[in-house]
Amino acid sequence: MNQILRRVLIVFLAVLPFAMHSQVQQGKVLLMNGSVVENTLWEEKDGMIYIYDQRKNLFGKEKTRAVELNKSEIFSLSNGSKEQVLYYQDTMLGDYYTPEEMRMYLAGAGDARKNYKARHISAIGFGLCTVAGYLVGDGFMILIVPPITYAAIQYVGKIKIREKYMSDVNYKYNDQYAEGFEPPARSRKMIRGALSGVVGSVTGVVLYIIKNQ
């Protein structure tokens, strides 16, 4: 009897590592910044989530890169047939949204990153700073002050969420969607404002120098 139990124990210990080893799955990963990684390979291992990014290099050879993520960085994992939601509401950690509210929030953040280009901010910033650079002329401060000022202005005011930015028009009057949309859109406005302002100021100064040569 003891010999039988010993053999069972040996088999159990031999199989245990394989049973505990996670299985690589293919599906969709929704990150907590609103980004969606479609049709990717992922697995859960040692309390972490590994996403395997397969890309081709310059020579056409496929290369796999493993990206290690904490579970707190991921909202959900899907394998095509089932979605596993990792996010949970925890007011002690500042996670006040329910899973469904957070899904709306992330939809807004994802749409902002994907669809909000802020091209009008770039056009206006370039035009204003070009004029400022040309009128003031040569000087180091003209290359800094107008772009910084214009970028800072983008921090105030309300972000207008138009239907063309939405992946689903039903999000139009959803508060959580709007709250998720605002931070990435605001950040993009400020970055666009700063970059277009710098280019505009440089252009204005160059035009001033050419005119006065």
Protein backbone atom coordinates (compact mmCIF):
# COMPACT_ATOMS: atom_id res chain seq x y z
CA MET A 1 0.00 0.00 0.00
CA ASN A 2 2.80 2.40 0.91
CA GLN A 3 4.54 1.56 -2.35
CA ILE A 4 1.39 2.42 -4.33
CA LEU A 5 1.00 5.73 -2.51
CA ARG A 6 4.66 6.47 -3.16
CA ARG A 7 4.23 5.87 -6.90
CA VAL A 8 1.11 8.07 -6.99
CA LEU A 9 3.02 10.83 -5.22
CA ILE A 10 5.93 10.58 -7.65
CA VAL A 11 3.59 10.79 -10.64
CA PHE A 12 1.75 13.75 -9.08
CA LEU A 13 4.99 15.66 -8.48
CA ALA A 14 6.14 14.91 -12.02
CA VAL A 15 2.91 16.15 -13.60
CA LEU A 16 2.41 19.17 -11.31
CA PRO A 17 4.80 21.57 -13.15
CA PHE A 18 3.04 20.84 -16.46
CA ALA A 19 -0.39 21.30 -14.89
CA MET A 20 0.64 24.62 -13.41
CA HIS A 21 2.26 25.86 -16.62
CA SER A 22 0.06 28.40 -18.32
CA GLN A 23 -1.19 28.00 -21.84
CA VAL A 24 -0.47 30.54 -24.54
CA GLN A 25 -3.73 31.86 -25.94
CA GLN A 26 -4.64 34.08 -28.86
CA GLY A 27 -7.11 36.91 -28.69
CA LYS A 28 -7.60 40.52 -27.64
CA VAL A 29 -6.02 42.42 -24.75
CA LEU A 30 -7.66 45.63 -23.49
CA LEU A 31 -5.15 47.76 -21.60
CA MET A 32 -5.98 50.22 -18.84
CA ASN A 33 -4.89 53.16 -21.02
CA GLY A 34 -7.66 52.36 -23.50
CA SER A 35 -5.41 50.74 -26.09
CA VAL A 36 -6.54 47.46 -27.63
CA VAL A 37 -4.07 44.81 -28.78
CA GLU A 38 -5.92 42.76 -31.36
CA ASN A 39 -5.28 39.16 -32.39
CA THR A 40 -2.20 38.73 -30.22
CA LEU A 41 -0.66 35.85 -28.30
CA TRP A 42 -0.77 36.15 -24.52
CA GLU A 43 -0.37 34.05 -21.41
CA GLU A 44 -0.58 34.37 -17.65
CA LYS A 45 2.57 33.22 -15.89
CA ASP A 46 3.99 33.80 -12.40
CA GLY A 47 1.29 36.35 -11.62
CA MET A 48 2.15 38.45 -14.67
CA ILE A 49 0.67 38.74 -18.15
CA TYR A 50 2.95 38.26 -21.12
CA ILE A 51 1.98 39.60 -24.54
CA TYR A 52 3.95 38.22 -27.45
CA ASP A 53 4.37 40.83 -30.15
CA GLN A 54 5.19 39.24 -33.50
CA ARG A 55 6.67 41.56 -36.11
CA LYS A 56 8.86 41.33 -39.16
CA ASN A 57 12.21 43.10 -39.17
CA LEU A 58 13.79 44.97 -42.10
CA PHE A 59 14.90 41.68 -43.64
CA GLY A 60 11.40 40.17 -43.53
CA LYS A 61 12.25 37.76 -40.74
CA GLU A 62 9.54 37.36 -38.09
CA LYS A 63 10.64 38.22 -34.58
CA THR A 64 8.72 37.70 -31.34
CA ARG A 65 9.06 40.18 -28.48
CA ALA A 66 7.64 39.41 -25.04
CA VAL A 67 6.03 42.34 -23.22
CA GLU A 68 5.60 41.80 -19.48
CA LEU A 69 2.63 43.55 -17.87
CA ASN A 70 1.21 43.66 -14.38
CA LYS A 71 -2.40 42.60 -14.06
CA SER A 72 -3.27 46.10 -12.86
CA GLU A 73 -2.27 47.39 -16.31
CA ILE A 74 -4.86 45.23 -18.05
CA PHE A 75 -8.64 45.54 -18.04
CA SER A 76 -9.48 42.27 -19.75
CA LEU A 77 -8.13 39.31 -21.73
CA SER A 78 -10.07 37.57 -24.48
CA ASN A 79 -9.33 34.32 -26.26
CA GLY A 80 -12.07 34.57 -28.88
CA SER A 81 -14.71 32.66 -26.96
CA LYS A 82 -14.48 34.16 -23.46
CA GLU A 83 -13.44 37.44 -21.88
CA GLN A 84 -11.65 37.47 -18.53
CA VAL A 85 -12.02 40.84 -16.79
CA LEU A 86 -9.04 41.53 -14.51
CA TYR A 87 -10.16 44.98 -13.38
CA TYR A 88 -12.27 45.24 -10.25
CA GLN A 89 -13.68 48.15 -8.30
CA ASP A 90 -11.56 49.06 -5.29
CA THR A 91 -12.22 52.48 -3.75
CA MET A 92 -9.24 52.07 -1.40
CA LEU A 93 -6.95 52.13 -4.44
CA GLY A 94 -8.85 54.92 -6.17
CA ASP A 95 -10.67 52.63 -8.60
CA TYR A 96 -14.17 54.06 -8.12
CA TYR A 97 -15.68 52.85 -11.38
CA THR A 98 -17.51 49.57 -11.70
CA PRO A 99 -16.16 47.26 -14.45
CA GLU A 100 -18.84 48.43 -16.91
CA GLU A 101 -18.20 52.09 -16.11
CA MET A 102 -14.47 51.54 -16.56
CA ARG A 103 -15.15 49.86 -19.91
CA MET A 104 -16.88 53.07 -21.04
CA TYR A 105 -14.02 55.17 -19.69
CA LEU A 106 -11.46 53.11 -21.60
CA ALA A 107 -13.57 53.32 -24.76
CA GLY A 108 -13.30 57.10 -24.52
CA ALA A 109 -9.56 56.99 -23.90
CA GLY A 110 -9.05 54.59 -26.80
CA ASP A 111 -11.11 56.67 -29.22
CA ALA A 112 -9.21 59.83 -28.22
CA ARG A 113 -5.84 58.19 -28.87
CA LYS A 114 -6.97 56.72 -32.15
CA ASN A 115 -9.20 59.40 -33.67
CA TYR A 116 -8.49 62.78 -32.07
CA LYS A 117 -5.75 64.33 -34.25
CA ALA A 118 -5.99 67.99 -33.18
CA ARG A 119 -4.87 69.15 -36.62
CA HIS A 120 -6.67 72.47 -36.15
CA ILE A 121 -4.51 73.12 -33.09
CA SER A 122 -1.38 72.57 -35.18
CA ALA A 123 -2.58 74.84 -37.98
CA ILE A 124 -3.53 77.70 -35.67
CA GLY A 125 -0.36 77.36 -33.59
CA PHE A 126 1.86 77.35 -36.65
CA GLY A 127 0.14 80.43 -38.06
CA LEU A 128 0.18 82.47 -34.84
CA CYS A 129 3.77 81.65 -33.94
CA THR A 130 4.99 82.27 -37.48
CA VAL A 131 3.51 85.75 -37.36
CA ALA A 132 4.97 86.34 -33.88
CA GLY A 133 8.41 85.18 -34.95
CA TYR A 134 8.35 87.32 -38.06
CA LEU A 135 7.18 90.48 -36.25
CA VAL A 136 9.59 90.20 -33.31
CA GLY A 137 12.48 89.04 -35.44
CA ASP A 138 15.73 87.58 -34.26
CA GLY A 139 15.96 86.47 -30.63
CA PHE A 140 16.12 83.33 -28.56
CA MET A 141 13.05 84.10 -26.44
CA ILE A 142 10.77 84.31 -29.46
CA LEU A 143 11.55 80.64 -30.12
CA ILE A 144 10.40 79.67 -26.62
CA VAL A 145 7.74 82.02 -25.25
CA PRO A 146 5.07 81.81 -28.01
CA PRO A 147 5.12 77.97 -28.28
CA ILE A 148 5.00 77.50 -24.49
CA THR A 149 2.23 80.07 -24.13
CA TYR A 150 0.18 78.51 -26.91
CA ALA A 151 0.65 75.00 -25.49
CA ALA A 152 -0.39 76.20 -22.02
CA ILE A 153 -3.59 77.69 -23.44
CA GLN A 154 -4.61 74.21 -24.62
CA TYR A 155 -4.85 73.13 -20.98
CA VAL A 156 -7.97 75.22 -20.46
CA GLY A 157 -11.31 74.97 -22.17
CA LYS A 158 -13.62 72.07 -22.89
CA ILE A 159 -12.81 69.23 -25.28
CA LYS A 160 -15.50 68.92 -27.91
CA ILE A 161 -16.21 65.25 -28.59
CA ARG A 162 -17.63 65.00 -32.10
CA GLU A 163 -19.36 61.93 -33.47
CA LYS A 164 -16.56 61.35 -35.97
CA TYR A 165 -14.22 60.62 -33.04
CA MET A 166 -16.52 57.95 -31.59
CA SER A 167 -16.30 54.27 -32.40
CA ASP A 168 -19.97 54.05 -31.37
CA VAL A 169 -22.39 57.00 -31.47
CA ASN A 170 -24.19 55.56 -28.44
CA TYR A 171 -21.29 56.88 -26.36
CA LYS A 172 -22.38 60.44 -27.10
CA TYR A 173 -24.06 61.17 -23.76
CA ASN A 174 -22.06 58.80 -21.58
CA ASP A 175 -20.26 60.62 -18.75
CA GLN A 176 -17.62 57.93 -18.23
CA TYR A 177 -16.80 57.93 -21.94
CA ALA A 178 -16.32 61.72 -21.87
CA GLU A 179 -14.10 61.50 -18.78
CA GLY A 180 -11.93 58.89 -20.48
CA PHE A 181 -11.73 60.86 -23.72
CA GLU A 182 -10.56 64.09 -22.10
CA PRO A 183 -7.02 63.29 -20.75
CA PRO A 184 -5.50 61.82 -23.97
CA ALA A 185 -7.19 64.49 -26.10
CA ARG A 186 -5.94 67.26 -23.80
CA SER A 187 -2.44 65.85 -23.85
CA ARG A 188 -2.46 65.67 -27.64
CA LYS A 189 -3.68 69.27 -27.90
CA MET A 190 -0.81 70.48 -25.72
CA ILE A 191 1.83 68.47 -27.57
CA ARG A 192 0.52 69.58 -30.95
CA GLY A 193 0.41 73.15 -29.72
CA ALA A 194 4.02 73.09 -28.52
CA LEU A 195 5.43 71.40 -31.63
CA SER A 196 3.53 73.54 -34.13
CA GLY A 197 4.44 76.64 -32.13
CA VAL A 198 8.16 75.85 -32.25
CA VAL A 199 8.05 75.18 -36.00
CA GLY A 200 6.03 78.35 -36.54
CA SER A 201 8.40 80.52 -34.48
CA VAL A 202 11.45 79.15 -36.31
CA THR A 203 9.74 79.75 -39.65
CA GLY A 204 8.88 83.33 -38.69
CA VAL A 205 12.43 84.10 -37.56
CA VAL A 206 13.89 82.59 -40.75
CA LEU A 207 11.53 84.70 -42.88
CA TYR A 208 12.53 87.79 -40.88
CA ILE A 209 16.24 87.09 -41.41
CA ILE A 210 15.78 86.48 -45.15
CA LYS A 211 13.80 89.71 -45.55
CA ASN A 212 16.40 91.82 -43.72
CA GLN A 213 19.52 90.43 -45.32
